[in-house]
Amino acid sequence: MNYGEVLSRAWQIIWKYKVLWIFGILAGLGSGGGGSSGGGGGSGVNYRFDGSQFRPPFDTSQYFLQRLEIWIENNWWVFIVLAVLALVFLAVVIVLSTFGRIGLARGTWQADEGKEKLTFGGLFAESSAYFWRVLGLNILIFLAWIVLVLALVVPSTMIAALTAGIALICLGPLLILLCCLLIPVGWAVSVIVEQAIVAITCENRSLIDGLKRGWEIFRANLGPAAIMFLILGIGGGIARFIIALPFFFTLMPLIGAALIDGERAWMTGGIITLVLFCLYLPVEIVLNGIVTTYTGASWTLTFRRLTGRQAATTAVEVIPAAE
C-alpha cells in the first residue's frame, strides 16, 4: 500500500469537501480524541479537580465549606437533576458522534470514487440507514472491554482477599504482563473497529458481517494496518496535544491568584480562568474535529486501498506534440 498516496489523498479530499469537517467535529465529540483515528475521542482533554490542587489559604474557607455542606443537604434534588441532564447530554453526544463517524466514512468513500458534490443533508440522510448497526458495534466493543476488565479485576480481588494479598504480590509480574498485552490488543481492536465501520457503512454489511470483514482485512494486512495506526496514532496524538495546550494556559490566572493569596484574588482568577476556558473550548472542538476528519478519511482510504479500490481518475486533456 502506498502510504503517502493515502495520506495526501485524505488531505485533498477533506480540503475539497469541507462539509466533511462537520461530520469530523460530530465524530470527535464522542471519540475520546481518537475515535475514528486510533487515538480517540471528545475534546481529548481530561481535567480532574478534587480540591487538593488549589486550597484557599484564607480564613473564610472553613465557613464556606460549612455553608456548602448545608446547601447540599437542603438541595440534594439538584444533583438528581444534574445527573439526568448529564445522561441526556451523553445520549445526545453518542447519537451525534455516531452520525458523524458514518457520514465521514461515506463522504470520504464517495469523494474517492469521484463524486463532485457532497452535501450535509444528503450524507446525514444516508447515515440514518446505518445508525443502529454502527451504534450496536460500539456498544458491543464497549461491553467486551468491560467483560475483559472484570475478568482480570474480579479474580485478582478475590485472590487478594483470600490470601491477605500474598498471592497477589506473587502474581504481580503476571498481572503486569497481562496489562502490557492489553496495549497491542487495544490498538488491534481499534483498527478492526475502524475497518468494520467502513465495511458496514460503505459495503452495506450487517453488524456481524462488518466485524468479520474488519477482522479479515486486519489479519490479511497486519503490517500495513500497524504502520497506519502508528502514523495516525502518533501524528494525531501530537496534533491533539498541541491543540490542548492552551487549556493549560487558561489556568495561569488561577495559579497567579494562589500566589497572591487572597479571597478576592481567588475569585477573580477563577472567573478569568472559567471565561478563557469557555472561549477556547469551541476552538478546541473545531480543531480536534478537523484532526478527526483527517484521520477518519485516512482510515476509509486505507480500507479502499487494502481491498483493491483505487481513487477515481479524472480525464486529462491530451495536447498533441508540435510537429
C-alpha atoms as a PDB file:
ATOM      1  CA  MET A   1       0.000   0.000   0.000  1.00  0.00           C
ATOM      2  CA  ASN A   2       1.228   3.467  -0.866  1.00  0.00           C
ATOM      3  CA  TYR A   3       1.020   5.251   2.493  1.00  0.00           C
ATOM      4  CA  GLY A   4       1.987   8.626   1.051  1.00  0.00           C
ATOM      5  CA  GLU A   5      -0.812   8.404  -1.515  1.00  0.00           C
ATOM      6  CA  VAL A   6      -3.366   7.563   1.172  1.00  0.00           C
ATOM      7  CA  LEU A   7      -2.304  10.405   3.476  1.00  0.00           C
ATOM      8  CA  SER A   8      -2.082  13.015   0.702  1.00  0.00           C
ATOM      9  CA  ARG A   9      -5.358  11.860  -0.855  1.00  0.00           C
ATOM     10  CA  ALA A  10      -7.091  12.135   2.523  1.00  0.00           C
ATOM     11  CA  TRP A  11      -5.924  15.738   2.866  1.00  0.00           C
ATOM     12  CA  GLN A  12      -7.008  16.573  -0.674  1.00  0.00           C
ATOM     13  CA  ILE A  13     -10.471  15.164  -0.013  1.00  0.00           C
ATOM     14  CA  ILE A  14     -11.129  16.945   3.280  1.00  0.00           C
ATOM     15  CA  TRP A  15      -9.789  20.192   1.834  1.00  0.00           C
ATOM     16  CA  LYS A  16     -12.044  19.997  -1.214  1.00  0.00           C
ATOM     17  CA  TYR A  17     -15.104  18.686   0.624  1.00  0.00           C
ATOM     18  CA  LYS A  18     -15.139  20.816   3.750  1.00  0.00           C
ATOM     19  CA  VAL A  19     -18.606  19.537   4.590  1.00  0.00           C
ATOM     20  CA  LEU A  20     -16.757  16.513   5.969  1.00  0.00           C
ATOM     21  CA  TRP A  21     -15.376  18.771   8.691  1.00  0.00           C
ATOM     22  CA  ILE A  22     -18.866  18.944  10.197  1.00  0.00           C
ATOM     23  CA  PHE A  23     -19.044  15.166  10.428  1.00  0.00           C
ATOM     24  CA  GLY A  24     -15.499  15.077  11.809  1.00  0.00           C
ATOM     25  CA  ILE A  25     -16.472  17.557  14.517  1.00  0.00           C
ATOM     26  CA  LEU A  26     -19.508  15.445  15.394  1.00  0.00           C
ATOM     27  CA  ALA A  27     -17.404  12.266  15.411  1.00  0.00           C
ATOM     28  CA  GLY A  28     -14.809  13.953  17.604  1.00  0.00           C
ATOM     29  CA  LEU A  29     -17.402  14.685  20.295  1.00  0.00           C
ATOM     30  CA  GLY A  30     -17.547  11.056  21.378  1.00  0.00           C
ATOM     31  CA  SER A  31     -14.235   9.627  20.227  1.00  0.00           C
ATOM     32  CA  GLY A  32     -12.101  10.498  23.181  1.00  0.00           C
ATOM     33  CA  GLY A  33      -9.593  12.055  20.901  1.00  0.00           C
ATOM     34  CA  GLY A  34      -9.121   9.397  18.803  1.00  0.00           C
ATOM     35  CA  GLY A  35     -12.334   7.956  17.935  1.00  0.00           C
ATOM     36  CA  SER A  36     -12.041   7.250  14.457  1.00  0.00           C
ATOM     37  CA  SER A  37      -8.337   7.599  14.455  1.00  0.00           C
ATOM     38  CA  GLY A  38      -6.907   5.048  16.770  1.00  0.00           C
ATOM     39  CA  GLY A  39      -6.437   7.569  19.396  1.00  0.00           C
ATOM     40  CA  GLY A  40      -9.549   8.510  20.081  1.00  0.00           C
ATOM     41  CA  GLY A  41     -12.181  10.944  21.319  1.00  0.00           C
ATOM     42  CA  GLY A  42     -14.274  14.114  22.779  1.00  0.00           C
ATOM     43  CA  SER A  43     -12.151  17.094  23.168  1.00  0.00           C
ATOM     44  CA  GLY A  44      -9.117  14.964  24.063  1.00  0.00           C
ATOM     45  CA  VAL A  45      -8.642  16.931  27.339  1.00  0.00           C
ATOM     46  CA  ASN A  46      -9.455  15.475  30.759  1.00  0.00           C
ATOM     47  CA  TYR A  47      -9.357  17.530  33.920  1.00  0.00           C
ATOM     48  CA  ARG A  48      -9.581  16.303  37.465  1.00  0.00           C
ATOM     49  CA  PHE A  49     -10.078  18.708  40.313  1.00  0.00           C
ATOM     50  CA  ASP A  50     -10.611  17.149  43.718  1.00  0.00           C
ATOM     51  CA  GLY A  51      -9.894  20.249  45.724  1.00  0.00           C
ATOM     52  CA  SER A  52      -6.354  19.266  46.648  1.00  0.00           C
ATOM     53  CA  GLN A  53      -4.690  21.132  43.805  1.00  0.00           C
ATOM     54  CA  PHE A  54      -5.733  24.586  44.986  1.00  0.00           C
ATOM     55  CA  ARG A  55      -6.908  25.170  48.525  1.00  0.00           C
ATOM     56  CA  PRO A  56      -7.808  28.724  49.534  1.00  0.00           C
ATOM     57  CA  PRO A  57      -5.411  29.831  52.259  1.00  0.00           C
ATOM     58  CA  PHE A  58      -7.735  32.491  53.705  1.00  0.00           C
ATOM     59  CA  ASP A  59      -9.701  32.008  56.951  1.00  0.00           C
ATOM     60  CA  THR A  60     -13.156  32.029  55.359  1.00  0.00           C
ATOM     61  CA  SER A  61     -12.563  28.711  53.598  1.00  0.00           C
ATOM     62  CA  GLN A  62     -13.902  26.635  56.525  1.00  0.00           C
ATOM     63  CA  TYR A  63     -17.001  28.807  56.749  1.00  0.00           C
ATOM     64  CA  PHE A  64     -17.570  28.451  53.025  1.00  0.00           C
ATOM     65  CA  LEU A  65     -17.299  24.645  53.213  1.00  0.00           C
ATOM     66  CA  GLN A  66     -19.788  24.517  56.077  1.00  0.00           C
ATOM     67  CA  ARG A  67     -22.275  26.667  54.177  1.00  0.00           C
ATOM     68  CA  LEU A  68     -21.775  24.490  51.115  1.00  0.00           C
ATOM     69  CA  GLU A  69     -22.485  21.331  53.120  1.00  0.00           C
ATOM     70  CA  ILE A  70     -25.720  22.819  54.474  1.00  0.00           C
ATOM     71  CA  TRP A  71     -26.774  23.899  50.988  1.00  0.00           C
ATOM     72  CA  ILE A  72     -26.143  20.404  49.604  1.00  0.00           C
ATOM     73  CA  GLU A  73     -28.266  18.842  52.373  1.00  0.00           C
ATOM     74  CA  ASN A  74     -31.155  21.185  51.619  1.00  0.00           C
ATOM     75  CA  ASN A  75     -30.879  20.987  47.841  1.00  0.00           C
ATOM     76  CA  TRP A  76     -29.994  17.329  47.186  1.00  0.00           C
ATOM     77  CA  TRP A  77     -32.540  17.218  44.360  1.00  0.00           C
ATOM     78  CA  VAL A  78     -30.283  19.494  42.305  1.00  0.00           C
ATOM     79  CA  PHE A  79     -27.788  16.660  41.904  1.00  0.00           C
ATOM     80  CA  ILE A  80     -30.513  14.336  40.646  1.00  0.00           C
ATOM     81  CA  VAL A  81     -31.454  16.911  38.030  1.00  0.00           C
ATOM     82  CA  LEU A  82     -27.822  17.345  37.073  1.00  0.00           C
ATOM     83  CA  ALA A  83     -27.393  13.573  36.777  1.00  0.00           C
ATOM     84  CA  VAL A  84     -30.426  13.331  34.466  1.00  0.00           C
ATOM     85  CA  LEU A  85     -29.146  16.237  32.368  1.00  0.00           C
ATOM     86  CA  ALA A  86     -25.738  14.558  32.176  1.00  0.00           C
ATOM     87  CA  LEU A  87     -27.324  11.341  30.903  1.00  0.00           C
ATOM     88  CA  VAL A  88     -29.342  13.265  28.312  1.00  0.00           C
ATOM     89  CA  PHE A  89     -26.212  15.122  27.221  1.00  0.00           C
ATOM     90  CA  LEU A  90     -24.297  11.836  26.973  1.00  0.00           C
ATOM     91  CA  ALA A  91     -27.058  10.311  24.846  1.00  0.00           C
ATOM     92  CA  VAL A  92     -27.035  13.318  22.501  1.00  0.00           C
ATOM     93  CA  VAL A  93     -23.239  13.134  22.173  1.00  0.00           C
ATOM     94  CA  ILE A  94     -23.381   9.410  21.371  1.00  0.00           C
ATOM     95  CA  VAL A  95     -26.045   9.951  18.694  1.00  0.00           C
ATOM     96  CA  LEU A  96     -24.239  12.878  17.069  1.00  0.00           C
ATOM     97  CA  SER A  97     -20.833  11.182  17.152  1.00  0.00           C
ATOM     98  CA  THR A  98     -22.301   8.040  15.579  1.00  0.00           C
ATOM     99  CA  PHE A  99     -23.836  10.052  12.756  1.00  0.00           C
ATOM    100  CA  GLY A 100     -20.517  11.856  12.404  1.00  0.00           C
ATOM    101  CA  ARG A 101     -18.490   8.664  12.001  1.00  0.00           C
ATOM    102  CA  ILE A 102     -20.945   7.264   9.449  1.00  0.00           C
ATOM    103  CA  GLY A 103     -21.158  10.459   7.414  1.00  0.00           C
ATOM    104  CA  LEU A 104     -17.390  10.866   7.423  1.00  0.00           C
ATOM    105  CA  ALA A 105     -16.823   7.336   6.134  1.00  0.00           C
ATOM    106  CA  ARG A 106     -19.493   7.549   3.434  1.00  0.00           C
ATOM    107  CA  GLY A 107     -18.439  11.030   2.344  1.00  0.00           C
ATOM    108  CA  THR A 108     -14.792  10.039   2.000  1.00  0.00           C
ATOM    109  CA  TRP A 109     -15.777   6.886   0.104  1.00  0.00           C
ATOM    110  CA  GLN A 110     -17.915   8.822  -2.370  1.00  0.00           C
ATOM    111  CA  ALA A 111     -15.286  11.536  -2.774  1.00  0.00           C
ATOM    112  CA  ASP A 112     -12.617   8.960  -3.565  1.00  0.00           C
ATOM    113  CA  GLU A 113     -14.960   7.459  -6.165  1.00  0.00           C
ATOM    114  CA  GLY A 114     -15.109  10.844  -7.883  1.00  0.00           C
ATOM    115  CA  LYS A 115     -18.405  12.308  -6.717  1.00  0.00           C
ATOM    116  CA  GLU A 116     -18.294  16.009  -7.476  1.00  0.00           C
ATOM    117  CA  LYS A 117     -20.523  17.359  -4.711  1.00  0.00           C
ATOM    118  CA  LEU A 118     -21.254  16.255  -1.171  1.00  0.00           C
ATOM    119  CA  THR A 119     -23.991  17.845   0.926  1.00  0.00           C
ATOM    120  CA  PHE A 120     -24.553  17.669   4.648  1.00  0.00           C
ATOM    121  CA  GLY A 121     -28.232  16.868   4.253  1.00  0.00           C
ATOM    122  CA  GLY A 122     -27.563  14.083   1.788  1.00  0.00           C
ATOM    123  CA  LEU A 123     -24.873  12.409   3.882  1.00  0.00           C
ATOM    124  CA  PHE A 124     -26.872  12.805   7.076  1.00  0.00           C
ATOM    125  CA  ALA A 125     -29.930  11.202   5.464  1.00  0.00           C
ATOM    126  CA  GLU A 126     -27.835   8.305   4.179  1.00  0.00           C
ATOM    127  CA  SER A 127     -26.293   7.812   7.612  1.00  0.00           C
ATOM    128  CA  SER A 128     -29.639   7.001   9.233  1.00  0.00           C
ATOM    129  CA  ALA A 129     -29.733   3.616   7.461  1.00  0.00           C
ATOM    130  CA  TYR A 130     -26.537   2.526   9.234  1.00  0.00           C
ATOM    131  CA  PHE A 131     -27.030   4.234  12.589  1.00  0.00           C
ATOM    132  CA  TRP A 132     -28.194   1.266  14.654  1.00  0.00           C
ATOM    133  CA  ARG A 133     -25.589  -1.067  13.212  1.00  0.00           C
ATOM    134  CA  VAL A 134     -22.688   1.257  13.994  1.00  0.00           C
ATOM    135  CA  LEU A 135     -24.116   2.100  17.413  1.00  0.00           C
ATOM    136  CA  GLY A 136     -24.556  -1.606  18.122  1.00  0.00           C
ATOM    137  CA  LEU A 137     -20.944  -2.222  17.103  1.00  0.00           C
ATOM    138  CA  ASN A 138     -19.695   0.422  19.533  1.00  0.00           C
ATOM    139  CA  ILE A 139     -21.865  -0.961  22.337  1.00  0.00           C
ATOM    140  CA  LEU A 140     -20.654  -4.489  21.610  1.00  0.00           C
ATOM    141  CA  ILE A 141     -16.996  -3.446  21.792  1.00  0.00           C
ATOM    142  CA  PHE A 142     -17.662  -1.452  24.963  1.00  0.00           C
ATOM    143  CA  LEU A 143     -19.289  -4.440  26.658  1.00  0.00           C
ATOM    144  CA  ALA A 144     -16.452  -6.703  25.534  1.00  0.00           C
ATOM    145  CA  TRP A 145     -13.929  -4.388  27.202  1.00  0.00           C
ATOM    146  CA  ILE A 146     -15.983  -4.361  30.402  1.00  0.00           C
ATOM    147  CA  VAL A 147     -16.095  -8.163  30.456  1.00  0.00           C
ATOM    148  CA  LEU A 148     -12.346  -8.326  29.860  1.00  0.00           C
ATOM    149  CA  VAL A 149     -11.568  -5.872  32.656  1.00  0.00           C
ATOM    150  CA  LEU A 150     -13.906  -7.659  35.071  1.00  0.00           C
ATOM    151  CA  ALA A 151     -12.304 -10.981  34.139  1.00  0.00           C
ATOM    152  CA  LEU A 152      -8.988  -9.545  35.320  1.00  0.00           C
ATOM    153  CA  VAL A 153     -10.116  -7.458  38.291  1.00  0.00           C
ATOM    154  CA  VAL A 154     -12.640  -9.766  39.990  1.00  0.00           C
ATOM    155  CA  PRO A 155     -10.386 -12.868  40.281  1.00  0.00           C
ATOM    156  CA  SER A 156      -7.449 -10.709  41.360  1.00  0.00           C
ATOM    157  CA  THR A 157      -9.560  -9.085  44.078  1.00  0.00           C
ATOM    158  CA  MET A 158     -10.860 -12.430  45.332  1.00  0.00           C
ATOM    159  CA  ILE A 159      -7.381 -13.953  45.412  1.00  0.00           C
ATOM    160  CA  ALA A 160      -6.024 -10.926  47.252  1.00  0.00           C
ATOM    161  CA  ALA A 161      -8.838 -11.103  49.821  1.00  0.00           C
ATOM    162  CA  LEU A 162      -8.432 -14.853  50.434  1.00  0.00           C
ATOM    163  CA  THR A 163      -4.650 -14.751  50.772  1.00  0.00           C
ATOM    164  CA  ALA A 164      -4.285 -11.388  52.509  1.00  0.00           C
ATOM    165  CA  GLY A 165      -2.584 -10.016  49.407  1.00  0.00           C
ATOM    166  CA  ILE A 166       0.284 -12.513  49.410  1.00  0.00           C
ATOM    167  CA  ALA A 167      -0.810 -14.345  46.254  1.00  0.00           C
ATOM    168  CA  LEU A 168      -1.435 -11.029  44.525  1.00  0.00           C
ATOM    169  CA  ILE A 169       2.169  -9.997  45.217  1.00  0.00           C
ATOM    170  CA  CYS A 170       3.407 -13.270  43.768  1.00  0.00           C
ATOM    171  CA  LEU A 171       1.217 -12.873  40.709  1.00  0.00           C
ATOM    172  CA  GLY A 172       2.232  -9.224  40.278  1.00  0.00           C
ATOM    173  CA  PRO A 173       4.599  -9.796  37.324  1.00  0.00           C
ATOM    174  CA  LEU A 174       1.938 -11.855  35.549  1.00  0.00           C
ATOM    175  CA  LEU A 175      -0.656  -9.119  36.032  1.00  0.00           C
ATOM    176  CA  ILE A 176       1.787  -6.502  34.757  1.00  0.00           C
ATOM    177  CA  LEU A 177       2.420  -8.672  31.699  1.00  0.00           C
ATOM    178  CA  LEU A 178      -1.320  -9.007  31.065  1.00  0.00           C
ATOM    179  CA  CYS A 179      -1.762  -5.232  31.339  1.00  0.00           C
ATOM    180  CA  CYS A 180       1.070  -4.720  28.858  1.00  0.00           C
ATOM    181  CA  LEU A 181      -0.584  -7.159  26.475  1.00  0.00           C
ATOM    182  CA  LEU A 182      -3.751  -5.073  26.601  1.00  0.00           C
ATOM    183  CA  ILE A 183      -1.923  -2.274  24.771  1.00  0.00           C
ATOM    184  CA  PRO A 184      -1.423  -4.129  21.451  1.00  0.00           C
ATOM    185  CA  VAL A 185      -4.838  -5.717  21.895  1.00  0.00           C
ATOM    186  CA  GLY A 186      -6.302  -2.239  22.245  1.00  0.00           C
ATOM    187  CA  TRP A 187      -4.760  -0.893  19.047  1.00  0.00           C
ATOM    188  CA  ALA A 188      -5.722  -4.059  17.172  1.00  0.00           C
ATOM    189  CA  VAL A 189      -9.332  -3.710  18.277  1.00  0.00           C
ATOM    190  CA  SER A 190      -9.373  -0.028  17.298  1.00  0.00           C
ATOM    191  CA  VAL A 191      -8.115  -0.826  13.784  1.00  0.00           C
ATOM    192  CA  ILE A 192     -10.633  -3.653  13.383  1.00  0.00           C
ATOM    193  CA  VAL A 193     -13.454  -1.377  14.509  1.00  0.00           C
ATOM    194  CA  GLU A 194     -12.407   1.350  12.065  1.00  0.00           C
ATOM    195  CA  GLN A 195     -12.417  -1.118   9.184  1.00  0.00           C
ATOM    196  CA  ALA A 196     -15.686  -2.661  10.381  1.00  0.00           C
ATOM    197  CA  ILE A 197     -17.406   0.734  10.396  1.00  0.00           C
ATOM    198  CA  VAL A 198     -16.322   1.342   6.807  1.00  0.00           C
ATOM    199  CA  ALA A 199     -17.496  -2.142   5.826  1.00  0.00           C
ATOM    200  CA  ILE A 200     -20.908  -1.561   7.439  1.00  0.00           C
ATOM    201  CA  THR A 201     -21.477   1.917   6.040  1.00  0.00           C
ATOM    202  CA  CYS A 202     -19.898   1.642   2.607  1.00  0.00           C
ATOM    203  CA  GLU A 203     -20.372  -2.039   1.742  1.00  0.00           C
ATOM    204  CA  ASN A 204     -23.793  -2.219   3.410  1.00  0.00           C
ATOM    205  CA  ARG A 205     -22.927  -5.134   5.670  1.00  0.00           C
ATOM    206  CA  SER A 206     -24.621  -6.233   8.842  1.00  0.00           C
ATOM    207  CA  LEU A 207     -23.035  -5.695  12.247  1.00  0.00           C
ATOM    208  CA  ILE A 208     -21.545  -9.182  12.484  1.00  0.00           C
ATOM    209  CA  ASP A 209     -20.533  -9.301   8.804  1.00  0.00           C
ATOM    210  CA  GLY A 210     -18.911  -5.900   9.130  1.00  0.00           C
ATOM    211  CA  LEU A 211     -16.970  -7.036  12.171  1.00  0.00           C
ATOM    212  CA  LYS A 212     -15.864 -10.168  10.338  1.00  0.00           C
ATOM    213  CA  ARG A 213     -14.853  -8.053   7.344  1.00  0.00           C
ATOM    214  CA  GLY A 214     -12.802  -5.758   9.564  1.00  0.00           C
ATOM    215  CA  TRP A 215     -11.071  -8.739  11.147  1.00  0.00           C
ATOM    216  CA  GLU A 216     -10.305 -10.312   7.753  1.00  0.00           C
ATOM    217  CA  ILE A 217      -8.752  -7.101   6.433  1.00  0.00           C
ATOM    218  CA  PHE A 218      -6.727  -6.624   9.604  1.00  0.00           C
ATOM    219  CA  ARG A 219      -5.492 -10.229   9.653  1.00  0.00           C
ATOM    220  CA  ALA A 220      -4.525 -10.199   5.972  1.00  0.00           C
ATOM    221  CA  ASN A 221      -2.775  -6.817   6.205  1.00  0.00           C
ATOM    222  CA  LEU A 222      -1.236  -6.794   9.670  1.00  0.00           C
ATOM    223  CA  GLY A 223       1.860  -4.825   8.622  1.00  0.00           C
ATOM    224  CA  PRO A 224       0.094  -2.008   6.727  1.00  0.00           C
ATOM    225  CA  ALA A 225      -2.536  -1.758   9.476  1.00  0.00           C
ATOM    226  CA  ALA A 226       0.163  -1.423  12.142  1.00  0.00           C
ATOM    227  CA  ILE A 227       2.048   1.216  10.143  1.00  0.00           C
ATOM    228  CA  MET A 228      -1.094   3.264   9.510  1.00  0.00           C
ATOM    229  CA  PHE A 229      -2.014   3.029  13.194  1.00  0.00           C
ATOM    230  CA  LEU A 230       1.414   4.315  14.198  1.00  0.00           C
ATOM    231  CA  ILE A 231       1.274   7.153  11.669  1.00  0.00           C
ATOM    232  CA  LEU A 232      -2.240   8.258  12.521  1.00  0.00           C
ATOM    233  CA  GLY A 233      -1.960   7.468  16.222  1.00  0.00           C
ATOM    234  CA  ILE A 234       1.314   9.292  16.836  1.00  0.00           C
ATOM    235  CA  GLY A 235       0.535  12.120  14.420  1.00  0.00           C
ATOM    236  CA  GLY A 236      -2.975  12.560  15.749  1.00  0.00           C
ATOM    237  CA  GLY A 237      -1.747  12.396  19.337  1.00  0.00           C
ATOM    238  CA  ILE A 238       0.824  15.137  18.734  1.00  0.00           C
ATOM    239  CA  ALA A 239      -1.750  17.311  16.979  1.00  0.00           C
ATOM    240  CA  ARG A 240      -4.278  16.887  19.787  1.00  0.00           C
ATOM    241  CA  PHE A 241      -1.629  17.633  22.414  1.00  0.00           C
ATOM    242  CA  ILE A 242      -0.758  20.905  20.681  1.00  0.00           C
ATOM    243  CA  ILE A 243      -4.447  21.770  20.379  1.00  0.00           C
ATOM    244  CA  ALA A 244      -4.965  21.080  24.097  1.00  0.00           C
ATOM    245  CA  LEU A 245      -2.001  23.180  25.275  1.00  0.00           C
ATOM    246  CA  PRO A 246      -3.974  26.472  25.518  1.00  0.00           C
ATOM    247  CA  PHE A 247      -6.213  24.822  28.120  1.00  0.00           C
ATOM    248  CA  PHE A 248      -3.256  24.676  30.467  1.00  0.00           C
ATOM    249  CA  PHE A 249      -2.542  28.360  29.890  1.00  0.00           C
ATOM    250  CA  THR A 250      -6.102  29.187  30.953  1.00  0.00           C
ATOM    251  CA  LEU A 251      -5.085  28.041  34.447  1.00  0.00           C
ATOM    252  CA  MET A 252      -2.471  30.790  34.738  1.00  0.00           C
ATOM    253  CA  PRO A 253      -4.857  33.357  36.301  1.00  0.00           C
ATOM    254  CA  LEU A 254      -5.872  30.792  38.936  1.00  0.00           C
ATOM    255  CA  ILE A 255      -2.237  29.955  39.671  1.00  0.00           C
ATOM    256  CA  GLY A 256      -1.465  33.651  39.932  1.00  0.00           C
ATOM    257  CA  ALA A 257      -4.323  34.030  42.399  1.00  0.00           C
ATOM    258  CA  ALA A 258      -2.827  31.263  44.531  1.00  0.00           C
ATOM    259  CA  LEU A 259       0.445  33.178  44.668  1.00  0.00           C
ATOM    260  CA  ILE A 260      -1.267  36.441  45.588  1.00  0.00           C
ATOM    261  CA  ASP A 261      -3.093  34.705  48.460  1.00  0.00           C
ATOM    262  CA  GLY A 262      -6.409  36.494  48.865  1.00  0.00           C
ATOM    263  CA  GLU A 263     -10.146  35.760  48.688  1.00  0.00           C
ATOM    264  CA  ARG A 264     -10.783  38.402  46.042  1.00  0.00           C
ATOM    265  CA  ALA A 265      -7.783  37.255  44.021  1.00  0.00           C
ATOM    266  CA  TRP A 266      -9.066  33.688  44.073  1.00  0.00           C
ATOM    267  CA  MET A 267     -12.500  34.770  42.880  1.00  0.00           C
ATOM    268  CA  THR A 268     -11.073  36.973  40.122  1.00  0.00           C
ATOM    269  CA  GLY A 269      -8.613  34.318  38.981  1.00  0.00           C
ATOM    270  CA  GLY A 270     -11.324  31.660  38.942  1.00  0.00           C
ATOM    271  CA  ILE A 271     -13.656  33.818  36.864  1.00  0.00           C
ATOM    272  CA  ILE A 272     -10.935  34.684  34.357  1.00  0.00           C
ATOM    273  CA  THR A 273      -9.918  31.023  34.059  1.00  0.00           C
ATOM    274  CA  LEU A 274     -13.524  29.964  33.501  1.00  0.00           C
ATOM    275  CA  VAL A 275     -14.056  32.646  30.843  1.00  0.00           C
ATOM    276  CA  LEU A 276     -10.859  31.737  28.994  1.00  0.00           C
ATOM    277  CA  PHE A 277     -11.751  28.041  29.156  1.00  0.00           C
ATOM    278  CA  CYS A 278     -15.216  28.665  27.710  1.00  0.00           C
ATOM    279  CA  LEU A 279     -13.804  30.909  24.976  1.00  0.00           C
ATOM    280  CA  TYR A 280     -11.253  28.368  23.815  1.00  0.00           C
ATOM    281  CA  LEU A 281     -13.466  25.284  24.145  1.00  0.00           C
ATOM    282  CA  PRO A 282     -15.318  25.851  20.814  1.00  0.00           C
ATOM    283  CA  VAL A 283     -11.983  26.442  19.073  1.00  0.00           C
ATOM    284  CA  GLU A 284     -10.605  23.204  20.525  1.00  0.00           C
ATOM    285  CA  ILE A 285     -13.698  21.272  19.426  1.00  0.00           C
ATOM    286  CA  VAL A 286     -13.373  22.552  15.844  1.00  0.00           C
ATOM    287  CA  LEU A 287      -9.619  21.894  15.610  1.00  0.00           C
ATOM    288  CA  ASN A 288      -9.993  18.456  17.154  1.00  0.00           C
ATOM    289  CA  GLY A 289     -12.807  17.793  14.697  1.00  0.00           C
ATOM    290  CA  ILE A 290     -10.555  18.628  11.763  1.00  0.00           C
ATOM    291  CA  VAL A 291      -7.934  16.182  13.066  1.00  0.00           C
ATOM    292  CA  THR A 292     -10.671  13.558  13.439  1.00  0.00           C
ATOM    293  CA  THR A 293     -11.826  14.299   9.891  1.00  0.00           C
ATOM    294  CA  TYR A 294      -8.362  13.690   8.508  1.00  0.00           C
ATOM    295  CA  THR A 295      -7.698  10.501  10.462  1.00  0.00           C
ATOM    296  CA  GLY A 296     -11.177   9.153   9.693  1.00  0.00           C
ATOM    297  CA  ALA A 297     -10.740   9.867   5.996  1.00  0.00           C
ATOM    298  CA  SER A 298      -7.345   8.164   6.095  1.00  0.00           C
ATOM    299  CA  TRP A 299      -8.846   5.006   7.610  1.00  0.00           C
ATOM    300  CA  THR A 300     -11.568   4.930   4.974  1.00  0.00           C
ATOM    301  CA  LEU A 301      -8.993   5.244   2.197  1.00  0.00           C
ATOM    302  CA  THR A 302      -6.891   2.565   3.890  1.00  0.00           C
ATOM    303  CA  PHE A 303      -9.878   0.225   3.671  1.00  0.00           C
ATOM    304  CA  ARG A 304     -10.336   1.039  -0.006  1.00  0.00           C
ATOM    305  CA  ARG A 305      -6.680   0.507  -0.901  1.00  0.00           C
ATOM    306  CA  LEU A 306      -6.395  -2.725   1.074  1.00  0.00           C
ATOM    307  CA  THR A 307      -9.462  -4.062  -0.750  1.00  0.00           C
ATOM    308  CA  GLY A 308      -8.104  -3.125  -4.179  1.00  0.00           C
ATOM    309  CA  ARG A 309     -10.099   0.060  -4.761  1.00  0.00           C
ATOM    310  CA  GLN A 310      -8.224   2.992  -6.257  1.00  0.00           C
ATOM    311  CA  ALA A 311      -9.033   6.680  -6.482  1.00  0.00           C
ATOM    312  CA  ALA A 312     -11.173   7.788  -9.377  1.00  0.00           C
ATOM    313  CA  THR A 313      -9.100   9.184 -12.242  1.00  0.00           C
ATOM    314  CA  THR A 314     -10.168  12.372 -13.920  1.00  0.00           C
ATOM    315  CA  ALA A 315      -9.942  12.760 -17.640  1.00  0.00           C
ATOM    316  CA  VAL A 316      -6.930  14.788 -18.685  1.00  0.00           C
ATOM    317  CA  GLU A 317      -6.927  16.636 -21.985  1.00  0.00           C
ATOM    318  CA  VAL A 318      -4.098  15.334 -24.177  1.00  0.00           C
ATOM    319  CA  ILE A 319      -2.322  18.072 -26.129  1.00  0.00           C
ATOM    320  CA  PRO A 320      -0.657  16.742 -29.266  1.00  0.00           C
ATOM    321  CA  ALA A 321       3.050  17.447 -29.540  1.00  0.00           C
ATOM    322  CA  ALA A 322       4.098  20.130 -32.034  1.00  0.00           C
ATOM    323  CA  GLU A 323       5.488  18.791 -35.219  1.00  0.00           C
END
